[in-house]
Amino acid sequence: MSLLLDRSGVRLTAGAEGLAVSGVVGFDVAAALAATGSDWLATQPAGTRVDFDLSGVAGVSSAALSVLLEWTRRARAAGLEVRAVHLSAPLSRLTRLAGLDRLLPLDEVA
């Protein structure tokens, strides 16, 4: 895993499977998180299958959900396949409450 971002207790790493986030994601780091992940996605060849692992995100975070939606949009626009999205239990509940679970390839709740 390569560390892409470590700011305000939030870590973004990239590995063979895709991107992983951990920590308490607030709006103070969301823009940097979205941009850094988007930059990494832009380096992947079209057709690459990626996972987004947010199972390490603490608490309910609409900021983290916004980042996830931005990455999903960017990945699809770049011709990448979002294979799976892994969410923490609180983030999974928020995603389902917002009705976004139908738009994402959600894996089992971590």
PDB file of N, CA and C in Angstrom:
ATOM      1  N   MET A   1       0.836  -1.187   0.000  1.00  0.00           N
ATOM      2  CA  MET A   1       0.000   0.000   0.000  1.00  0.00           C
ATOM      3  C   MET A   1       0.877   1.245   0.000  1.00  0.00           C
ATOM      4  N   SER A   2       0.478   2.199  -0.783  1.00  0.00           N
ATOM      5  CA  SER A   2       1.180   3.483  -0.832  1.00  0.00           C
ATOM      6  C   SER A   2       0.349   4.533  -0.112  1.00  0.00           C
ATOM      7  N   LEU A   3       0.973   5.275   0.762  1.00  0.00           N
ATOM      8  CA  LEU A   3       0.296   6.357   1.459  1.00  0.00           C
ATOM      9  C   LEU A   3       0.199   7.555   0.525  1.00  0.00           C
ATOM     10  N   LEU A   4      -1.030   7.978   0.234  1.00  0.00           N
ATOM     11  CA  LEU A   4      -1.253   9.125  -0.640  1.00  0.00           C
ATOM     12  C   LEU A   4      -1.543  10.400   0.139  1.00  0.00           C
ATOM     13  N   LEU A   5      -2.175  10.254   1.309  1.00  0.00           N
ATOM     14  CA  LEU A   5      -2.565  11.423   2.098  1.00  0.00           C
ATOM     15  C   LEU A   5      -2.636  11.020   3.565  1.00  0.00           C
ATOM     16  N   ASP A   6      -2.118  11.884   4.421  1.00  0.00           N
ATOM     17  CA  ASP A   6      -2.210  11.703   5.868  1.00  0.00           C
ATOM     18  C   ASP A   6      -2.405  13.092   6.459  1.00  0.00           C
ATOM     19  N   ARG A   7      -3.664  13.433   6.723  1.00  0.00           N
ATOM     20  CA  ARG A   7      -3.979  14.790   7.181  1.00  0.00           C
ATOM     21  C   ARG A   7      -5.107  14.746   8.211  1.00  0.00           C
ATOM     22  N   SER A   8      -4.916  15.424   9.305  1.00  0.00           N
ATOM     23  CA  SER A   8      -5.936  15.550  10.355  1.00  0.00           C
ATOM     24  C   SER A   8      -6.480  14.197  10.798  1.00  0.00           C
ATOM     25  N   GLY A   9      -5.602  13.198  10.862  1.00  0.00           N
ATOM     26  CA  GLY A   9      -6.021  11.874  11.300  1.00  0.00           C
ATOM     27  C   GLY A   9      -6.696  11.031  10.234  1.00  0.00           C
ATOM     28  N   VAL A  10      -6.752  11.531   9.020  1.00  0.00           N
ATOM     29  CA  VAL A  10      -7.348  10.789   7.905  1.00  0.00           C
ATOM     30  C   VAL A  10      -6.222  10.294   7.011  1.00  0.00           C
ATOM     31  N   ARG A  11      -6.283   9.000   6.688  1.00  0.00           N
ATOM     32  CA  ARG A  11      -5.262   8.399   5.821  1.00  0.00           C
ATOM     33  C   ARG A  11      -5.920   7.854   4.557  1.00  0.00           C
ATOM     34  N   LEU A  12      -5.282   8.129   3.432  1.00  0.00           N
ATOM     35  CA  LEU A  12      -5.693   7.577   2.143  1.00  0.00           C
ATOM     36  C   LEU A  12      -4.525   6.772   1.609  1.00  0.00           C
ATOM     37  N   THR A  13      -4.782   5.507   1.327  1.00  0.00           N
ATOM     38  CA  THR A  13      -3.754   4.644   0.756  1.00  0.00           C
ATOM     39  C   THR A  13      -4.258   4.060  -0.555  1.00  0.00           C
ATOM     40  N   ALA A  14      -3.311   3.701  -1.406  1.00  0.00           N
ATOM     41  CA  ALA A  14      -3.632   3.047  -2.673  1.00  0.00           C
ATOM     42  C   ALA A  14      -2.880   1.733  -2.730  1.00  0.00           C
ATOM     43  N   GLY A  15      -3.555   0.728  -3.220  1.00  0.00           N
ATOM     44  CA  GLY A  15      -2.936  -0.580  -3.374  1.00  0.00           C
ATOM     45  C   GLY A  15      -3.398  -1.220  -4.665  1.00  0.00           C
ATOM     46  N   ALA A  16      -3.086  -2.476  -4.816  1.00  0.00           N
ATOM     47  CA  ALA A  16      -3.437  -3.202  -6.037  1.00  0.00           C
ATOM     48  C   ALA A  16      -4.942  -3.243  -6.271  1.00  0.00           C
ATOM     49  N   GLU A  17      -5.714  -3.227  -5.192  1.00  0.00           N
ATOM     50  CA  GLU A  17      -7.169  -3.314  -5.314  1.00  0.00           C
ATOM     51  C   GLU A  17      -7.846  -1.959  -5.523  1.00  0.00           C
ATOM     52  N   GLY A  18      -7.209  -0.874  -5.093  1.00  0.00           N
ATOM     53  CA  GLY A  18      -7.830   0.437  -5.216  1.00  0.00           C
ATOM     54  C   GLY A  18      -7.461   1.354  -4.067  1.00  0.00           C
ATOM     55  N   LEU A  19      -8.417   2.158  -3.640  1.00  0.00           N
ATOM     56  CA  LEU A  19      -8.194   3.178  -2.621  1.00  0.00           C
ATOM     57  C   LEU A  19      -8.825   2.773  -1.290  1.00  0.00           C
ATOM     58  N   ALA A  20      -8.158   3.134  -0.191  1.00  0.00           N
ATOM     59  CA  ALA A  20      -8.675   2.861   1.151  1.00  0.00           C
ATOM     60  C   ALA A  20      -8.543   4.119   2.005  1.00  0.00           C
ATOM     61  N   VAL A  21      -9.588   4.390   2.772  1.00  0.00           N
ATOM     62  CA  VAL A  21      -9.629   5.569   3.645  1.00  0.00           C
ATOM     63  C   VAL A  21      -9.874   5.114   5.075  1.00  0.00           C
ATOM     64  N   SER A  22      -9.201   5.773   6.023  1.00  0.00           N
ATOM     65  CA  SER A  22      -9.471   5.527   7.437  1.00  0.00           C
ATOM     66  C   SER A  22      -9.426   6.849   8.184  1.00  0.00           C
ATOM     67  N   GLY A  23     -10.132   6.876   9.313  1.00  0.00           N
ATOM     68  CA  GLY A  23     -10.153   8.070  10.151  1.00  0.00           C
ATOM     69  C   GLY A  23     -11.514   8.734  10.156  1.00  0.00           C
ATOM     70  N   VAL A  24     -11.572   9.885  10.797  1.00  0.00           N
ATOM     71  CA  VAL A  24     -12.803  10.673  10.867  1.00  0.00           C
ATOM     72  C   VAL A  24     -12.758  11.692   9.736  1.00  0.00           C
ATOM     73  N   VAL A  25     -13.552  11.463   8.712  1.00  0.00           N
ATOM     74  CA  VAL A  25     -13.537  12.318   7.522  1.00  0.00           C
ATOM     75  C   VAL A  25     -14.529  13.458   7.711  1.00  0.00           C
ATOM     76  N   GLY A  26     -13.993  14.671   7.805  1.00  0.00           N
ATOM     77  CA  GLY A  26     -14.824  15.862   7.901  1.00  0.00           C
ATOM     78  C   GLY A  26     -14.645  16.710   6.658  1.00  0.00           C
ATOM     79  N   PHE A  27     -15.422  17.760   6.572  1.00  0.00           N
ATOM     80  CA  PHE A  27     -15.334  18.620   5.393  1.00  0.00           C
ATOM     81  C   PHE A  27     -14.010  19.373   5.316  1.00  0.00           C
ATOM     82  N   ASP A  28     -13.267  19.424   6.436  1.00  0.00           N
ATOM     83  CA  ASP A  28     -11.962  20.087   6.423  1.00  0.00           C
ATOM     84  C   ASP A  28     -10.935  19.324   5.596  1.00  0.00           C
ATOM     85  N   VAL A  29     -11.109  18.022   5.423  1.00  0.00           N
ATOM     86  CA  VAL A  29     -10.164  17.228   4.618  1.00  0.00           C
ATOM     87  C   VAL A  29     -10.805  16.632   3.367  1.00  0.00           C
ATOM     88  N   ALA A  30     -12.102  16.780   3.223  1.00  0.00           N
ATOM     89  CA  ALA A  30     -12.807  16.120   2.114  1.00  0.00           C
ATOM     90  C   ALA A  30     -12.298  16.555   0.743  1.00  0.00           C
ATOM     91  N   ALA A  31     -12.059  17.833   0.549  1.00  0.00           N
ATOM     92  CA  ALA A  31     -11.605  18.307  -0.770  1.00  0.00           C
ATOM     93  C   ALA A  31     -10.240  17.729  -1.122  1.00  0.00           C
ATOM     94  N   ALA A  32      -9.320  17.729  -0.153  1.00  0.00           N
ATOM     95  CA  ALA A  32      -7.990  17.162  -0.404  1.00  0.00           C
ATOM     96  C   ALA A  32      -8.079  15.661  -0.645  1.00  0.00           C
ATOM     97  N   LEU A  33      -8.937  14.996   0.091  1.00  0.00           N
ATOM     98  CA  LEU A  33      -9.134  13.561  -0.069  1.00  0.00           C
ATOM     99  C   LEU A  33      -9.700  13.246  -1.454  1.00  0.00           C
ATOM    100  N   ALA A  34     -10.716  13.990  -1.853  1.00  0.00           N
ATOM    101  CA  ALA A  34     -11.319  13.775  -3.175  1.00  0.00           C
ATOM    102  C   ALA A  34     -10.313  14.034  -4.287  1.00  0.00           C
ATOM    103  N   ALA A  35      -9.570  15.119  -4.176  1.00  0.00           N
ATOM    104  CA  ALA A  35      -8.600  15.478  -5.217  1.00  0.00           C
ATOM    105  C   ALA A  35      -7.462  14.465  -5.303  1.00  0.00           C
ATOM    106  N   THR A  36      -6.946  14.041  -4.168  1.00  0.00           N
ATOM    107  CA  THR A  36      -5.832  13.090  -4.161  1.00  0.00           C
ATOM    108  C   THR A  36      -6.264  11.747  -4.740  1.00  0.00           C
ATOM    109  N   GLY A  37      -7.425  11.278  -4.332  1.00  0.00           N
ATOM    110  CA  GLY A  37      -7.937  10.023  -4.884  1.00  0.00           C
ATOM    111  C   GLY A  37      -8.245  10.137  -6.363  1.00  0.00           C
ATOM    112  N   SER A  38      -8.798  11.270  -6.778  1.00  0.00           N
ATOM    113  CA  SER A  38      -9.095  11.493  -8.198  1.00  0.00           C
ATOM    114  C   SER A  38      -7.821  11.512  -9.025  1.00  0.00           C
ATOM    115  N   ASP A  39      -6.772  12.113  -8.485  1.00  0.00           N
ATOM    116  CA  ASP A  39      -5.476  12.118  -9.183  1.00  0.00           C
ATOM    117  C   ASP A  39      -4.963  10.694  -9.373  1.00  0.00           C
ATOM    118  N   TRP A  40      -5.091   9.863  -8.341  1.00  0.00           N
ATOM    119  CA  TRP A  40      -4.654   8.469  -8.457  1.00  0.00           C
ATOM    120  C   TRP A  40      -5.491   7.730  -9.499  1.00  0.00           C
ATOM    121  N   LEU A  41      -6.797   7.940  -9.472  1.00  0.00           N
ATOM    122  CA  LEU A  41      -7.672   7.277 -10.448  1.00  0.00           C
ATOM    123  C   LEU A  41      -7.289   7.651 -11.875  1.00  0.00           C
ATOM    124  N   ALA A  42      -6.881   8.899 -12.079  1.00  0.00           N
ATOM    125  CA  ALA A  42      -6.511   9.370 -13.420  1.00  0.00           C
ATOM    126  C   ALA A  42      -5.271   8.661 -13.959  1.00  0.00           C
ATOM    127  N   THR A  43      -4.487   8.042 -13.085  1.00  0.00           N
ATOM    128  CA  THR A  43      -3.279   7.334 -13.533  1.00  0.00           C
ATOM    129  C   THR A  43      -3.563   5.884 -13.921  1.00  0.00           C
ATOM    130  N   GLN A  44      -4.772   5.420 -13.674  1.00  0.00           N
ATOM    131  CA  GLN A  44      -5.104   4.024 -13.951  1.00  0.00           C
ATOM    132  C   GLN A  44      -5.593   3.865 -15.392  1.00  0.00           C
ATOM    133  N   PRO A  45      -5.154   2.808 -16.075  1.00  0.00           N
ATOM    134  CA  PRO A  45      -5.596   2.596 -17.454  1.00  0.00           C
ATOM    135  C   PRO A  45      -7.083   2.249 -17.527  1.00  0.00           C
ATOM    136  N   ALA A  46      -7.733   2.673 -18.597  1.00  0.00           N
ATOM    137  CA  ALA A  46      -9.142   2.349 -18.820  1.00  0.00           C
ATOM    138  C   ALA A  46      -9.324   0.839 -18.720  1.00  0.00           C
ATOM    139  N   GLY A  47     -10.429   0.431 -18.131  1.00  0.00           N
ATOM    140  CA  GLY A  47     -10.711  -0.985 -17.952  1.00  0.00           C
ATOM    141  C   GLY A  47     -10.238  -1.548 -16.627  1.00  0.00           C
ATOM    142  N   THR A  48      -9.437  -0.778 -15.885  1.00  0.00           N
ATOM    143  CA  THR A  48      -8.958  -1.232 -14.577  1.00  0.00           C
ATOM    144  C   THR A  48     -10.143  -1.380 -13.624  1.00  0.00           C
ATOM    145  N   ARG A  49     -10.110  -2.436 -12.831  1.00  0.00           N
ATOM    146  CA  ARG A  49     -11.140  -2.658 -11.815  1.00  0.00           C
ATOM    147  C   ARG A  49     -10.613  -2.133 -10.484  1.00  0.00           C
ATOM    148  N   VAL A  50     -11.394  -1.291  -9.823  1.00  0.00           N
ATOM    149  CA  VAL A  50     -10.961  -0.693  -8.561  1.00  0.00           C
ATOM    150  C   VAL A  50     -12.005  -0.920  -7.470  1.00  0.00           C
ATOM    151  N   ASP A  51     -11.509  -0.999  -6.254  1.00  0.00           N
ATOM    152  CA  ASP A  51     -12.355  -1.054  -5.064  1.00  0.00           C
ATOM    153  C   ASP A  51     -12.154   0.242  -4.296  1.00  0.00           C
ATOM    154  N   PHE A  52     -13.190   0.667  -3.603  1.00  0.00           N
ATOM    155  CA  PHE A  52     -13.090   1.781  -2.674  1.00  0.00           C
ATOM    156  C   PHE A  52     -13.398   1.221  -1.291  1.00  0.00           C
ATOM    157  N   ASP A  53     -12.418   1.262  -0.403  1.00  0.00           N
ATOM    158  CA  ASP A  53     -12.563   0.703   0.936  1.00  0.00           C
ATOM    159  C   ASP A  53     -12.659   1.833   1.957  1.00  0.00           C
ATOM    160  N   LEU A  54     -13.868   2.082   2.410  1.00  0.00           N
ATOM    161  CA  LEU A  54     -14.109   3.088   3.440  1.00  0.00           C
ATOM    162  C   LEU A  54     -14.538   2.422   4.743  1.00  0.00           C
ATOM    163  N   SER A  55     -14.169   1.160   4.900  1.00  0.00           N
ATOM    164  CA  SER A  55     -14.539   0.434   6.116  1.00  0.00           C
ATOM    165  C   SER A  55     -13.820   0.979   7.346  1.00  0.00           C
ATOM    166  N   GLY A  56     -12.750   1.730   7.138  1.00  0.00           N
ATOM    167  CA  GLY A  56     -12.013   2.328   8.245  1.00  0.00           C
ATOM    168  C   GLY A  56     -12.459   3.736   8.597  1.00  0.00           C
ATOM    169  N   VAL A  57     -13.522   4.213   7.957  1.00  0.00           N
ATOM    170  CA  VAL A  57     -14.033   5.556   8.256  1.00  0.00           C
ATOM    171  C   VAL A  57     -14.849   5.488   9.542  1.00  0.00           C
ATOM    172  N   ALA A  58     -14.468   6.316  10.501  1.00  0.00           N
ATOM    173  CA  ALA A  58     -15.137   6.330  11.800  1.00  0.00           C
ATOM    174  C   ALA A  58     -16.344   7.262  11.770  1.00  0.00           C
ATOM    175  N   GLY A  59     -17.440   6.795  12.323  1.00  0.00           N
ATOM    176  CA  GLY A  59     -18.630   7.622  12.456  1.00  0.00           C
ATOM    177  C   GLY A  59     -19.389   7.810  11.160  1.00  0.00           C
ATOM    178  N   VAL A  60     -20.481   8.531  11.268  1.00  0.00           N
ATOM    179  CA  VAL A  60     -21.316   8.862  10.115  1.00  0.00           C
ATOM    180  C   VAL A  60     -20.732  10.109   9.479  1.00  0.00           C
ATOM    181  N   SER A  61     -20.455  10.039   8.198  1.00  0.00           N
ATOM    182  CA  SER A  61     -19.772  11.152   7.547  1.00  0.00           C
ATOM    183  C   SER A  61     -20.340  11.427   6.166  1.00  0.00           C
ATOM    184  N   SER A  62     -21.119  12.502   6.062  1.00  0.00           N
ATOM    185  CA  SER A  62     -21.607  12.884   4.734  1.00  0.00           C
ATOM    186  C   SER A  62     -20.448  13.382   3.876  1.00  0.00           C
ATOM    187  N   ALA A  63     -19.386  13.873   4.507  1.00  0.00           N
ATOM    188  CA  ALA A  63     -18.201  14.294   3.754  1.00  0.00           C
ATOM    189  C   ALA A  63     -17.560  13.085   3.075  1.00  0.00           C
ATOM    190  N   ALA A  64     -17.439  11.973   3.796  1.00  0.00           N
ATOM    191  CA  ALA A  64     -16.873  10.753   3.209  1.00  0.00           C
ATOM    192  C   ALA A  64     -17.758  10.240   2.085  1.00  0.00           C
ATOM    193  N   LEU A  65     -19.056  10.330   2.266  1.00  0.00           N
ATOM    194  CA  LEU A  65     -19.985   9.902   1.223  1.00  0.00           C
ATOM    195  C   LEU A  65     -19.838  10.774  -0.021  1.00  0.00           C
ATOM    196  N   SER A  66     -19.640  12.061   0.164  1.00  0.00           N
ATOM    197  CA  SER A  66     -19.413  12.969  -0.970  1.00  0.00           C
ATOM    198  C   SER A  66     -18.139  12.603  -1.720  1.00  0.00           C
ATOM    199  N   VAL A  67     -17.083  12.275  -0.982  1.00  0.00           N
ATOM    200  CA  VAL A  67     -15.823  11.851  -1.606  1.00  0.00           C
ATOM    201  C   VAL A  67     -16.048  10.573  -2.406  1.00  0.00           C
ATOM    202  N   LEU A  68     -16.734   9.612  -1.821  1.00  0.00           N
ATOM    203  CA  LEU A  68     -17.014   8.347  -2.502  1.00  0.00           C
ATOM    204  C   LEU A  68     -17.773   8.578  -3.809  1.00  0.00           C
ATOM    205  N   LEU A  69     -18.774   9.425  -3.781  1.00  0.00           N
ATOM    206  CA  LEU A  69     -19.546   9.703  -4.997  1.00  0.00           C
ATOM    207  C   LEU A  69     -18.692  10.390  -6.056  1.00  0.00           C
ATOM    208  N   GLU A  70     -17.809  11.285  -5.641  1.00  0.00           N
ATOM    209  CA  GLU A  70     -16.908  11.948  -6.586  1.00  0.00           C
ATOM    210  C   GLU A  70     -15.959  10.938  -7.221  1.00  0.00           C
ATOM    211  N   TRP A  71     -15.378  10.062  -6.408  1.00  0.00           N
ATOM    212  CA  TRP A  71     -14.478   9.039  -6.952  1.00  0.00           C
ATOM    213  C   TRP A  71     -15.214   8.115  -7.913  1.00  0.00           C
ATOM    214  N   THR A  72     -16.429   7.748  -7.561  1.00  0.00           N
ATOM    215  CA  THR A  72     -17.216   6.866  -8.432  1.00  0.00           C
ATOM    216  C   THR A  72     -17.472   7.544  -9.768  1.00  0.00           C
ATOM    217  N   ARG A  73     -17.830   8.806  -9.731  1.00  0.00           N
ATOM    218  CA  ARG A  73     -18.073   9.559 -10.965  1.00  0.00           C
ATOM    219  C   ARG A  73     -16.802   9.651 -11.800  1.00  0.00           C
ATOM    220  N   ARG A  74     -15.696   9.985 -11.160  1.00  0.00           N
ATOM    221  CA  ARG A  74     -14.417  10.112 -11.875  1.00  0.00           C
ATOM    222  C   ARG A  74     -13.969   8.774 -12.459  1.00  0.00           C
ATOM    223  N   ALA A  75     -14.122   7.714 -11.689  1.00  0.00           N
ATOM    224  CA  ALA A  75     -13.711   6.387 -12.164  1.00  0.00           C
ATOM    225  C   ALA A  75     -14.509   5.993 -13.399  1.00  0.00           C
ATOM    226  N   ARG A  76     -15.798   6.164 -13.347  1.00  0.00           N
ATOM    227  CA  ARG A  76     -16.639   5.796 -14.496  1.00  0.00           C
ATOM    228  C   ARG A  76     -16.325   6.660 -15.708  1.00  0.00           C
ATOM    229  N   ALA A  77     -16.092   7.942 -15.490  1.00  0.00           N
ATOM    230  CA  ALA A  77     -15.756   8.837 -16.608  1.00  0.00           C
ATOM    231  C   ALA A  77     -14.429   8.447 -17.255  1.00  0.00           C
ATOM    232  N   ALA A  78     -13.519   7.861 -16.470  1.00  0.00           N
ATOM    233  CA  ALA A  78     -12.207   7.450 -16.983  1.00  0.00           C
ATOM    234  C   ALA A  78     -12.222   6.036 -17.561  1.00  0.00           C
ATOM    235  N   GLY A  79     -13.395   5.404 -17.562  1.00  0.00           N
ATOM    236  CA  GLY A  79     -13.489   4.055 -18.101  1.00  0.00           C
ATOM    237  C   GLY A  79     -13.019   2.977 -17.153  1.00  0.00           C
ATOM    238  N   LEU A  80     -12.994   3.288 -15.860  1.00  0.00           N
ATOM    239  CA  LEU A  80     -12.620   2.302 -14.850  1.00  0.00           C
ATOM    240  C   LEU A  80     -13.880   1.590 -14.363  1.00  0.00           C
ATOM    241  N   GLU A  81     -13.719   0.372 -13.886  1.00  0.00           N
ATOM    242  CA  GLU A  81     -14.842  -0.373 -13.334  1.00  0.00           C
ATOM    243  C   GLU A  81     -14.752  -0.350 -11.814  1.00  0.00           C
ATOM    244  N   VAL A  82     -15.760   0.206 -11.167  1.00  0.00           N
ATOM    245  CA  VAL A  82     -15.810   0.173  -9.706  1.00  0.00           C
ATOM    246  C   VAL A  82     -16.362  -1.200  -9.331  1.00  0.00           C
ATOM    247  N   ARG A  83     -15.473  -2.063  -8.887  1.00  0.00           N
ATOM    248  CA  ARG A  83     -15.819  -3.457  -8.617  1.00  0.00           C
ATOM    249  C   ARG A  83     -16.572  -3.613  -7.301  1.00  0.00           C
ATOM    250  N   ALA A  84     -16.106  -2.948  -6.248  1.00  0.00           N
ATOM    251  CA  ALA A  84     -16.733  -3.095  -4.938  1.00  0.00           C
ATOM    252  C   ALA A  84     -16.476  -1.857  -4.095  1.00  0.00           C
ATOM    253  N   VAL A  85     -17.434  -1.567  -3.233  1.00  0.00           N
ATOM    254  CA  VAL A  85     -17.319  -0.485  -2.260  1.00  0.00           C
ATOM    255  C   VAL A  85     -17.524  -1.106  -0.885  1.00  0.00           C
ATOM    256  N   HIS A  86     -16.549  -0.923  -0.017  1.00  0.00           N
ATOM    257  CA  HIS A  86     -16.599  -1.455   1.346  1.00  0.00           C
ATOM    258  C   HIS A  86     -16.814  -0.272   2.294  1.00  0.00           C
ATOM    259  N   LEU A  87     -17.850  -0.345   3.106  1.00  0.00           N
ATOM    260  CA  LEU A  87     -18.190   0.762   4.002  1.00  0.00           C
ATOM    261  C   LEU A  87     -18.190   0.309   5.453  1.00  0.00           C
ATOM    262  N   SER A  88     -17.890   1.252   6.347  1.00  0.00           N
ATOM    263  CA  SER A  88     -18.071   0.997   7.776  1.00  0.00           C
ATOM    264  C   SER A  88     -19.577   0.909   8.031  1.00  0.00           C
ATOM    265  N   ALA A  89     -19.962   0.330   9.151  1.00  0.00           N
ATOM    266  CA  ALA A  89     -21.383   0.191   9.473  1.00  0.00           C
ATOM    267  C   ALA A  89     -22.106   1.545   9.508  1.00  0.00           C
ATOM    268  N   PRO A  90     -21.550   2.575  10.173  1.00  0.00           N
ATOM    269  CA  PRO A  90     -22.249   3.866  10.180  1.00  0.00           C
ATOM    270  C   PRO A  90     -22.381   4.477   8.778  1.00  0.00           C
ATOM    271  N   LEU A  91     -21.349   4.344   7.977  1.00  0.00           N
ATOM    272  CA  LEU A  91     -21.392   4.901   6.627  1.00  0.00           C
ATOM    273  C   LEU A  91     -22.363   4.112   5.748  1.00  0.00           C
ATOM    274  N   SER A  92     -22.451   2.827   5.973  1.00  0.00           N
ATOM    275  CA  SER A  92     -23.407   1.998   5.239  1.00  0.00           C
ATOM    276  C   SER A  92     -24.839   2.419   5.555  1.00  0.00           C
ATOM    277  N   ARG A  93     -25.112   2.678   6.830  1.00  0.00           N
ATOM    278  CA  ARG A  93     -26.459   3.125   7.214  1.00  0.00           C
ATOM    279  C   ARG A  93     -26.804   4.448   6.544  1.00  0.00           C
ATOM    280  N   LEU A  94     -25.862   5.383   6.523  1.00  0.00           N
ATOM    281  CA  LEU A  94     -26.099   6.678   5.883  1.00  0.00           C
ATOM    282  C   LEU A  94     -26.350   6.501   4.385  1.00  0.00           C
ATOM    283  N   THR A  95     -25.583   5.642   3.753  1.00  0.00           N
ATOM    284  CA  THR A  95     -25.724   5.401   2.318  1.00  0.00           C
ATOM    285  C   THR A  95     -27.102   4.830   2.008  1.00  0.00           C
ATOM    286  N   ARG A  96     -27.545   3.885   2.812  1.00  0.00           N
ATOM    287  CA  ARG A  96     -28.866   3.286   2.604  1.00  0.00           C
ATOM    288  C   ARG A  96     -29.973   4.304   2.891  1.00  0.00           C
ATOM    289  N   LEU A  97     -29.817   5.087   3.943  1.00  0.00           N
ATOM    290  CA  LEU A  97     -30.802   6.108   4.288  1.00  0.00           C
ATOM    291  C   LEU A  97     -30.958   7.128   3.165  1.00  0.00           C
ATOM    292  N   ALA A  98     -29.848   7.478   2.531  1.00  0.00           N
ATOM    293  CA  ALA A  98     -29.872   8.449   1.432  1.00  0.00           C
ATOM    294  C   ALA A  98     -30.333   7.821   0.116  1.00  0.00           C
ATOM    295  N   GLY A  99     -30.530   6.509   0.110  1.00  0.00           N
ATOM    296  CA  GLY A  99     -30.969   5.828  -1.105  1.00  0.00           C
ATOM    297  C   GLY A  99     -29.871   5.656  -2.137  1.00  0.00           C
ATOM    298  N   LEU A 100     -28.621   5.781  -1.705  1.00  0.00           N
ATOM    299  CA  LEU A 100     -27.499   5.678  -2.638  1.00  0.00           C
ATOM    300  C   LEU A 100     -26.975   4.254  -2.771  1.00  0.00           C
ATOM    301  N   ASP A 101     -27.477   3.354  -1.940  1.00  0.00           N
ATOM    302  CA  ASP A 101     -27.009   1.969  -1.989  1.00  0.00           C
ATOM    303  C   ASP A 101     -27.300   1.317  -3.337  1.00  0.00           C
ATOM    304  N   ARG A 102     -28.326   1.770  -4.033  1.00  0.00           N
ATOM    305  CA  ARG A 102     -28.669   1.207  -5.347  1.00  0.00           C
ATOM    306  C   ARG A 102     -27.712   1.671  -6.438  1.00  0.00           C
ATOM    307  N   LEU A 103     -26.962   2.722  -6.172  1.00  0.00           N
ATOM    308  CA  LEU A 103     -26.055   3.278  -7.175  1.00  0.00           C
ATOM    309  C   LEU A 103     -24.633   2.751  -7.064  1.00  0.00           C
ATOM    310  N   LEU A 104     -24.344   2.039  -5.990  1.00  0.00           N
ATOM    311  CA  LEU A 104     -22.971   1.613  -5.707  1.00  0.00           C
ATOM    312  C   LEU A 104     -22.890   0.097  -5.571  1.00  0.00           C
ATOM    313  N   PRO A 105     -21.787  -0.498  -6.011  1.00  0.00           N
ATOM    314  CA  PRO A 105     -21.605  -1.940  -5.822  1.00  0.00           C
ATOM    315  C   PRO A 105     -21.122  -2.236  -4.401  1.00  0.00           C
ATOM    316  N   LEU A 106     -22.049  -2.172  -3.459  1.00  0.00           N
ATOM    317  CA  LEU A 106     -21.687  -2.318  -2.047  1.00  0.00           C
ATOM    318  C   LEU A 106     -21.361  -3.757  -1.702  1.00  0.00           C
ATOM    319  N   ASP A 107     -20.313  -3.912  -0.908  1.00  0.00           N
ATOM    320  CA  ASP A 107     -19.917  -5.199  -0.363  1.00  0.00           C
ATOM    321  C   ASP A 107     -20.555  -5.308   1.018  1.00  0.00           C
ATOM    322  N   GLU A 108     -20.353  -6.424   1.670  1.00  0.00           N
ATOM    323  CA  GLU A 108     -20.868  -6.598   3.026  1.00  0.00           C
ATOM    324  C   GLU A 108     -20.302  -5.520   3.942  1.00  0.00           C
ATOM    325  N   VAL A 109     -21.087  -5.122   4.925  1.00  0.00           N
ATOM    326  CA  VAL A 109     -20.654  -4.122   5.899  1.00  0.00           C
ATOM    327  C   VAL A 109     -19.523  -4.686   6.730  1.00  0.00           C
ATOM    328  N   ALA A 110     -18.470  -3.864   6.901  1.00  0.00           N
ATOM    329  CA  ALA A 110     -17.309  -4.304   7.696  1.00  0.00           C
ATOM    330  C   ALA A 110     -17.638  -4.255   9.168  1.00  0.00           C
TER     331      ALA A 110
END
